C-alpha atoms as a PDB file:
ATOM      1  CA  MET A   1       0.000   0.000   0.000  1.00  0.00           C
ATOM      2  CA  LYS A   2       2.834   2.339   0.833  1.00  0.00           C
ATOM      3  CA  TYR A   3       4.537   1.662  -2.522  1.00  0.00           C
ATOM      4  CA  LEU A   4       1.290   2.332  -4.329  1.00  0.00           C
ATOM      5  CA  LEU A   5       0.992   5.682  -2.574  1.00  0.00           C
ATOM      6  CA  TYR A   6       4.559   6.572  -3.589  1.00  0.00           C
ATOM      7  CA  PHE A   7       3.814   5.633  -7.185  1.00  0.00           C
ATOM      8  CA  VAL A   8       0.730   7.860  -7.310  1.00  0.00           C
ATOM      9  CA  LEU A   9       2.663  10.808  -5.858  1.00  0.00           C
ATOM     10  CA  PHE A  10       5.433  10.272  -8.426  1.00  0.00           C
ATOM     11  CA  LEU A  11       2.965  10.345 -11.304  1.00  0.00           C
ATOM     12  CA  GLY A  12       1.364  13.524  -9.959  1.00  0.00           C
ATOM     13  CA  LEU A  13       4.701  15.346  -9.707  1.00  0.00           C
ATOM     14  CA  THR A  14       5.732  14.221 -13.193  1.00  0.00           C
ATOM     15  CA  GLN A  15       2.512  15.462 -14.757  1.00  0.00           C
ATOM     16  CA  SER A  16       2.799  18.783 -12.912  1.00  0.00           C
ATOM     17  CA  ALA A  17       6.353  19.317 -14.137  1.00  0.00           C
ATOM     18  CA  PHE A  18       5.385  18.353 -17.682  1.00  0.00           C
ATOM     19  CA  ALA A  19       2.415  20.723 -17.576  1.00  0.00           C
ATOM     20  CA  GLN A  20       4.650  23.573 -16.393  1.00  0.00           C
ATOM     21  CA  LYS A  21       7.104  22.879 -19.233  1.00  0.00           C
ATOM     22  CA  VAL A  22       4.321  22.860 -21.803  1.00  0.00           C
ATOM     23  CA  ASP A  23       2.915  26.097 -20.364  1.00  0.00           C
ATOM     24  CA  SER A  24       6.328  27.778 -20.599  1.00  0.00           C
ATOM     25  CA  LEU A  25       6.686  26.637 -24.200  1.00  0.00           C
ATOM     26  CA  GLU A  26       3.230  27.964 -25.045  1.00  0.00           C
ATOM     27  CA  ILE A  27       4.039  31.298 -23.396  1.00  0.00           C
ATOM     28  CA  ALA A  28       7.302  31.528 -25.337  1.00  0.00           C
ATOM     29  CA  LYS A  29       5.514  30.672 -28.561  1.00  0.00           C
ATOM     30  CA  VAL A  30       2.857  33.315 -27.919  1.00  0.00           C
ATOM     31  CA  GLY A  31       5.573  35.857 -27.164  1.00  0.00           C
ATOM     32  CA  VAL A  32       7.389  35.093 -30.441  1.00  0.00           C
ATOM     33  CA  ASP A  33       4.138  35.272 -32.417  1.00  0.00           C
ATOM     34  CA  SER A  34       3.254  38.621 -30.893  1.00  0.00           C
ATOM     35  CA  LEU A  35       6.770  39.924 -31.638  1.00  0.00           C
ATOM     36  CA  VAL A  36       6.526  38.829 -35.244  1.00  0.00           C
ATOM     37  CA  LYS A  37       3.151  40.499 -35.586  1.00  0.00           C
ATOM     38  CA  THR A  38       4.439  43.783 -34.158  1.00  0.00           C
ATOM     39  CA  ILE A  39       7.297  43.991 -36.686  1.00  0.00           C
ATOM     40  CA  PRO A  40       5.941  45.816 -39.767  1.00  0.00           C
ATOM     41  CA  ALA A  41       6.465  44.078 -43.068  1.00  0.00           C
ATOM     42  CA  PRO A  42       8.500  46.009 -45.626  1.00  0.00           C
ATOM     43  CA  LYS A  43       6.365  47.831 -48.158  1.00  0.00           C
ATOM     44  CA  GLY A  44       7.154  47.335 -51.814  1.00  0.00           C
ATOM     45  CA  LYS A  45      10.219  45.725 -53.257  1.00  0.00           C
ATOM     46  CA  LEU A  46      13.600  46.216 -51.678  1.00  0.00           C
ATOM     47  CA  LYS A  47      15.956  48.307 -53.819  1.00  0.00           C
ATOM     48  CA  LYS A  48      19.124  46.620 -54.956  1.00  0.00           C
ATOM     49  CA  PRO A  49      22.362  48.295 -53.827  1.00  0.00           C
ATOM     50  CA  LEU A  50      23.872  50.589 -56.449  1.00  0.00           C
ATOM     51  CA  ASN A  51      26.903  48.886 -57.974  1.00  0.00           C
ATOM     52  CA  ILE A  52      29.084  51.615 -59.495  1.00  0.00           C
ATOM     53  CA  VAL A  53      32.356  51.115 -61.353  1.00  0.00           C
ATOM     54  CA  PRO A  54      34.177  54.477 -61.763  1.00  0.00           C
ATOM     55  CA  ARG A  55      35.909  53.254 -64.922  1.00  0.00           C
ATOM     56  CA  TYR A  56      32.581  52.580 -66.607  1.00  0.00           C
ATOM     57  CA  ALA A  57      31.322  56.048 -65.651  1.00  0.00           C
ATOM     58  CA  THR A  58      34.356  57.587 -67.367  1.00  0.00           C
ATOM     59  CA  TYR A  59      33.902  55.486 -70.511  1.00  0.00           C
ATOM     60  CA  LYS A  60      30.227  56.411 -70.765  1.00  0.00           C
ATOM     61  CA  SER A  61      30.976  60.123 -70.383  1.00  0.00           C
ATOM     62  CA  LEU A  62      33.685  59.764 -73.016  1.00  0.00           C
ATOM     63  CA  ALA A  63      31.162  58.288 -75.456  1.00  0.00           C
ATOM     64  CA  LEU A  64      28.399  60.811 -74.702  1.00  0.00           C
ATOM     65  CA  PRO A  65      28.570  63.788 -72.326  1.00  0.00           C
ATOM     66  CA  GLY A  66      26.207  63.277 -69.398  1.00  0.00           C
ATOM     67  CA  LEU A  67      25.905  59.510 -69.867  1.00  0.00           C
ATOM     68  CA  GLY A  68      28.346  58.869 -67.032  1.00  0.00           C
ATOM     69  CA  GLN A  69      26.303  61.096 -64.731  1.00  0.00           C
ATOM     70  CA  ALA A  70      23.202  59.112 -65.674  1.00  0.00           C
ATOM     71  CA  TYR A  71      25.086  55.880 -64.906  1.00  0.00           C
ATOM     72  CA  ILE A  72      25.822  57.018 -61.349  1.00  0.00           C
ATOM     73  CA  ARG A  73      22.262  58.423 -61.056  1.00  0.00           C
ATOM     74  CA  GLN A  74      23.397  62.015 -60.709  1.00  0.00           C
ATOM     75  CA  TYR A  75      20.719  63.276 -63.068  1.00  0.00           C
ATOM     76  CA  TRP A  76      20.653  66.892 -61.890  1.00  0.00           C
ATOM     77  CA  THR A  77      24.081  67.612 -63.443  1.00  0.00           C
ATOM     78  CA  ILE A  78      23.012  66.575 -66.964  1.00  0.00           C
ATOM     79  CA  PRO A  79      20.943  69.749 -67.703  1.00  0.00           C
ATOM     80  CA  ILE A  80      23.827  71.894 -66.431  1.00  0.00           C
ATOM     81  CA  ILE A  81      26.301  70.162 -68.747  1.00  0.00           C
ATOM     82  CA  TYR A  82      24.111  70.517 -71.815  1.00  0.00           C
ATOM     83  CA  ALA A  83      23.213  74.100 -70.944  1.00  0.00           C
ATOM     84  CA  GLY A  84      26.938  74.856 -70.922  1.00  0.00           C
ATOM     85  CA  PHE A  85      27.445  73.171 -74.295  1.00  0.00           C
ATOM     86  CA  GLY A  86      24.425  75.002 -75.691  1.00  0.00           C
ATOM     87  CA  GLY A  87      25.701  78.377 -74.531  1.00  0.00           C
ATOM     88  CA  LEU A  88      29.168  77.767 -75.934  1.00  0.00           C
ATOM     89  CA  ALA A  89      27.766  76.506 -79.238  1.00  0.00           C
ATOM     90  CA  TYR A  90      25.671  79.665 -79.530  1.00  0.00           C
ATOM     91  CA  ALA A  91      28.753  81.796 -78.790  1.00  0.00           C
ATOM     92  CA  ILE A  92      30.712  79.986 -81.517  1.00  0.00           C
ATOM     93  CA  HIS A  93      27.939  80.550 -84.045  1.00  0.00           C
ATOM     94  CA  TRP A  94      27.440  84.203 -83.043  1.00  0.00           C
ATOM     95  CA  ASN A  95      31.124  85.093 -83.348  1.00  0.00           C
ATOM     96  CA  GLN A  96      31.629  83.071 -86.539  1.00  0.00           C
ATOM     97  CA  ILE A  97      28.906  85.038 -88.360  1.00  0.00           C
ATOM     98  CA  ARG A  98      30.393  88.377 -87.333  1.00  0.00           C
ATOM     99  CA  TYR A  99      33.905  87.213 -88.154  1.00  0.00           C
ATOM    100  CA  LYS A 100      32.818  86.371 -91.704  1.00  0.00           C
ATOM    101  CA  ASP A 101      31.058  89.735 -92.062  1.00  0.00           C
ATOM    102  CA  ALA A 102      34.098  91.640 -90.824  1.00  0.00           C
ATOM    103  CA  ILE A 103      36.591  89.769 -92.993  1.00  0.00           C
ATOM    104  CA  GLY A 104      34.258  90.125 -95.981  1.00  0.00           C
ATOM    105  CA  GLY A 105      34.126  93.902 -95.508  1.00  0.00           C
ATOM    106  CA  TRP A 106      37.901  93.977 -95.172  1.00  0.00           C
ATOM    107  CA  GLN A 107      38.335  92.131 -98.475  1.00  0.00           C
ATOM    108  CA  THR A 108      35.872  94.503-100.148  1.00  0.00           C
ATOM    109  CA  LEU A 109      37.861  97.488 -98.893  1.00  0.00           C
ATOM    110  CA  LEU A 110      41.100  96.020-100.253  1.00  0.00           C
ATOM    111  CA  ASN A 111      39.553  95.165-103.617  1.00  0.00           C
ATOM    112  CA  GLU A 112      38.075  98.635-104.076  1.00  0.00           C
ATOM    113  CA  LYS A 113      41.233 100.301-102.736  1.00  0.00           C
ATOM    114  CA  ALA A 114      39.083 102.656-100.683  1.00  0.00           C
ATOM    115  CA  THR A 115      39.723 104.253 -97.312  1.00  0.00           C
ATOM    116  CA  THR A 116      36.326 103.321 -95.861  1.00  0.00           C
ATOM    117  CA  VAL A 117      33.614 100.837 -96.734  1.00  0.00           C
ATOM    118  CA  PRO A 118      30.031 100.279 -95.498  1.00  0.00           C
ATOM    119  CA  VAL A 119      29.733  96.927 -93.702  1.00  0.00           C
ATOM    120  CA  GLN A 120      26.934  95.138 -91.920  1.00  0.00           C
ATOM    121  CA  ILE A 121      28.324  92.982 -89.113  1.00  0.00           C
ATOM    122  CA  GLY A 122      25.644  90.771 -87.695  1.00  0.00           C
ATOM    123  CA  ASN A 123      22.527  92.847 -87.215  1.00  0.00           C
ATOM    124  CA  THR A 124      24.431  96.128 -87.013  1.00  0.00           C
ATOM    125  CA  TYR A 125      25.081  98.318 -90.041  1.00  0.00           C
ATOM    126  CA  TYR A 126      28.250 100.459 -90.144  1.00  0.00           C
ATOM    127  CA  PRO A 127      28.221 103.139 -92.892  1.00  0.00           C
ATOM    128  CA  ALA A 128      31.993 103.627 -92.952  1.00  0.00           C
ATOM    129  CA  LEU A 129      34.689 101.423 -91.447  1.00  0.00           C
ATOM    130  CA  THR A 130      38.394 101.848 -92.002  1.00  0.00           C
ATOM    131  CA  GLU A 131      40.902  99.077 -92.634  1.00  0.00           C
ATOM    132  CA  ASN A 132      42.207  99.338 -89.071  1.00  0.00           C
ATOM    133  CA  GLN A 133      38.694  99.035 -87.605  1.00  0.00           C
ATOM    134  CA  LEU A 134      37.929  95.990 -89.767  1.00  0.00           C
ATOM    135  CA  ARG A 135      41.216  94.395 -88.752  1.00  0.00           C
ATOM    136  CA  GLN A 136      40.404  94.867 -85.078  1.00  0.00           C
ATOM    137  CA  ALA A 137      36.856  93.547 -85.505  1.00  0.00           C
ATOM    138  CA  THR A 138      38.123  90.482 -87.376  1.00  0.00           C
ATOM    139  CA  ALA A 139      40.681  89.706 -84.671  1.00  0.00           C
ATOM    140  CA  GLN A 140      38.132  90.234 -81.879  1.00  0.00           C
ATOM    141  CA  TYR A 141      35.471  87.920 -83.293  1.00  0.00           C
ATOM    142  CA  ARG A 142      38.047  85.283 -84.229  1.00  0.00           C
ATOM    143  CA  ARG A 143      39.498  85.334 -80.714  1.00  0.00           C
ATOM    144  CA  GLN A 144      36.058  85.054 -79.085  1.00  0.00           C
ATOM    145  CA  ARG A 145      35.128  82.170 -81.395  1.00  0.00           C
ATOM    146  CA  ASP A 146      38.348  80.312 -80.587  1.00  0.00           C
ATOM    147  CA  LEU A 147      37.851  80.837 -76.855  1.00  0.00           C
ATOM    148  CA  SER A 148      34.349  79.390 -77.142  1.00  0.00           C
ATOM    149  CA  ILE A 149      35.746  76.310 -78.897  1.00  0.00           C
ATOM    150  CA  ILE A 150      38.336  75.906 -76.143  1.00  0.00           C
ATOM    151  CA  GLY A 151      35.519  76.259 -73.609  1.00  0.00           C
ATOM    152  CA  CYS A 152      33.714  73.309 -75.216  1.00  0.00           C
ATOM    153  CA  VAL A 153      36.847  71.178 -74.925  1.00  0.00           C
ATOM    154  CA  VAL A 154      37.324  72.192 -71.279  1.00  0.00           C
ATOM    155  CA  LEU A 155      33.678  71.454 -70.462  1.00  0.00           C
ATOM    156  CA  TYR A 156      33.956  68.050 -72.144  1.00  0.00           C
ATOM    157  CA  ALA A 157      37.036  67.214 -70.073  1.00  0.00           C
ATOM    158  CA  PHE A 158      35.404  68.572 -66.919  1.00  0.00           C
ATOM    159  CA  GLN A 159      32.345  66.344 -67.240  1.00  0.00           C
ATOM    160  CA  LEU A 160      34.673  63.348 -67.671  1.00  0.00           C
ATOM    161  CA  VAL A 161      36.540  64.175 -64.472  1.00  0.00           C
ATOM    162  CA  GLU A 162      33.315  64.973 -62.630  1.00  0.00           C
ATOM    163  CA  ALA A 163      31.760  61.610 -63.542  1.00  0.00           C
ATOM    164  CA  ASN A 164      34.870  59.722 -62.394  1.00  0.00           C
ATOM    165  CA  VAL A 165      35.226  61.637 -59.119  1.00  0.00           C
ATOM    166  CA  SER A 166      31.519  61.366 -58.297  1.00  0.00           C
ATOM    167  CA  ALA A 167      31.619  57.627 -58.971  1.00  0.00           C
ATOM    168  CA  HIS A 168      34.567  57.249 -56.597  1.00  0.00           C
ATOM    169  CA  LEU A 169      32.774  59.280 -53.920  1.00  0.00           C
ATOM    170  CA  LYS A 170      29.631  57.159 -54.234  1.00  0.00           C
ATOM    171  CA  THR A 171      31.663  53.971 -53.773  1.00  0.00           C
ATOM    172  CA  PHE A 172      33.732  55.385 -50.887  1.00  0.00           C
ATOM    173  CA  ASP A 173      33.073  53.710 -47.521  1.00  0.00           C
ATOM    174  CA  ASN A 174      31.905  56.506 -45.198  1.00  0.00           C
ATOM    175  CA  THR A 175      30.297  54.300 -42.543  1.00  0.00           C
ATOM    176  CA  ASP A 176      30.988  54.461 -38.808  1.00  0.00           C
ATOM    177  CA  ASP A 177      33.173  51.358 -39.043  1.00  0.00           C
ATOM    178  CA  ILE A 178      36.145  53.594 -39.819  1.00  0.00           C
ATOM    179  CA  SER A 179      36.998  56.450 -37.487  1.00  0.00           C
ATOM    180  CA  LEU A 180      39.906  58.812 -36.955  1.00  0.00           C
ATOM    181  CA  LYS A 181      40.715  60.311 -33.590  1.00  0.00           C
ATOM    182  CA  PHE A 182      43.487  62.569 -32.371  1.00  0.00           C
ATOM    183  CA  LYS A 183      44.897  62.223 -28.870  1.00  0.00           C
ATOM    184  CA  PRO A 184      48.003  63.500 -27.038  1.00  0.00           C
ATOM    185  CA  GLY A 185      51.030  61.268 -27.461  1.00  0.00           C
ATOM    186  CA  VAL A 186      54.312  61.044 -25.574  1.00  0.00           C
ATOM    187  CA  ARG A 187      57.402  59.252 -26.885  1.00  0.00           C
ATOM    188  CA  THR A 188      60.326  58.619 -24.581  1.00  0.00           C
ATOM    189  CA  ASP A 189      63.860  58.016 -25.825  1.00  0.00           C
ATOM    190  CA  TYR A 190      67.343  58.455 -24.451  1.00  0.00           C
ATOM    191  CA  ALA A 191      67.802  62.008 -25.622  1.00  0.00           C
ATOM    192  CA  SER A 192      64.492  63.733 -24.918  1.00  0.00           C
ATOM    193  CA  THR A 193      60.788  63.237 -24.268  1.00  0.00           C
ATOM    194  CA  PRO A 194      58.847  64.920 -27.094  1.00  0.00           C
ATOM    195  CA  ILE A 195      55.148  65.590 -26.682  1.00  0.00           C
ATOM    196  CA  GLY A 196      52.803  65.715 -29.660  1.00  0.00           C
ATOM    197  CA  ILE A 197      49.534  64.518 -31.171  1.00  0.00           C
ATOM    198  CA  THR A 198      48.893  60.941 -32.239  1.00  0.00           C
ATOM    199  CA  ALA A 199      46.408  59.982 -34.980  1.00  0.00           C
ATOM    200  CA  VAL A 200      44.496  56.812 -34.158  1.00  0.00           C
ATOM    201  CA  TYR A 201      42.593  54.884 -36.868  1.00  0.00           C
ATOM    202  CA  THR A 202      39.898  52.532 -35.665  1.00  0.00           C
ATOM    203  CA  PHE A 203      38.496  49.749 -37.837  1.00  0.00           C
ATOM    204  CA  LYS A 204      35.477  47.966 -36.375  1.00  0.00           C
END
């Protein structure tokens, strides 16, 4: 009878312990489910990280101005680049027309062997221009035209460099894993004890 009583007590304790374990598992499961429900699901598709190769940006800008900026998704610089080319192209055209008018009037003056000649340069009419005035006008418009052509070359080279530099900056690691700190430093040797500043790089 005594052994039977012990056996019954043993079964009761085992079931109680098993019930407590099941309850703890259920509580943990409920806690995990509630945590999962509280985390908001991401809306829409996740954007892929931008993979930029600076060399490709340079090649694209070399083929077509502004294409390198489009490759690195720096779209706001493209209108500026083409506005610059448009302005320089207009300056080349404007000065070329007036250069032809001035040099044509100069040739007319030399052919007629006159002291003055009426010339229309652009939209402006001059009733009498001397050889010296025509020479100065020809040199001025030619110089301004040539400077505009040089400006186009400089702008073309600038957009190449800008695309390459911007691509390098976009691929540069500027996270908090790399830090630079300055702290006082002391170095002791046999001769003296200099005091200075030490640069400390930290990579996490």
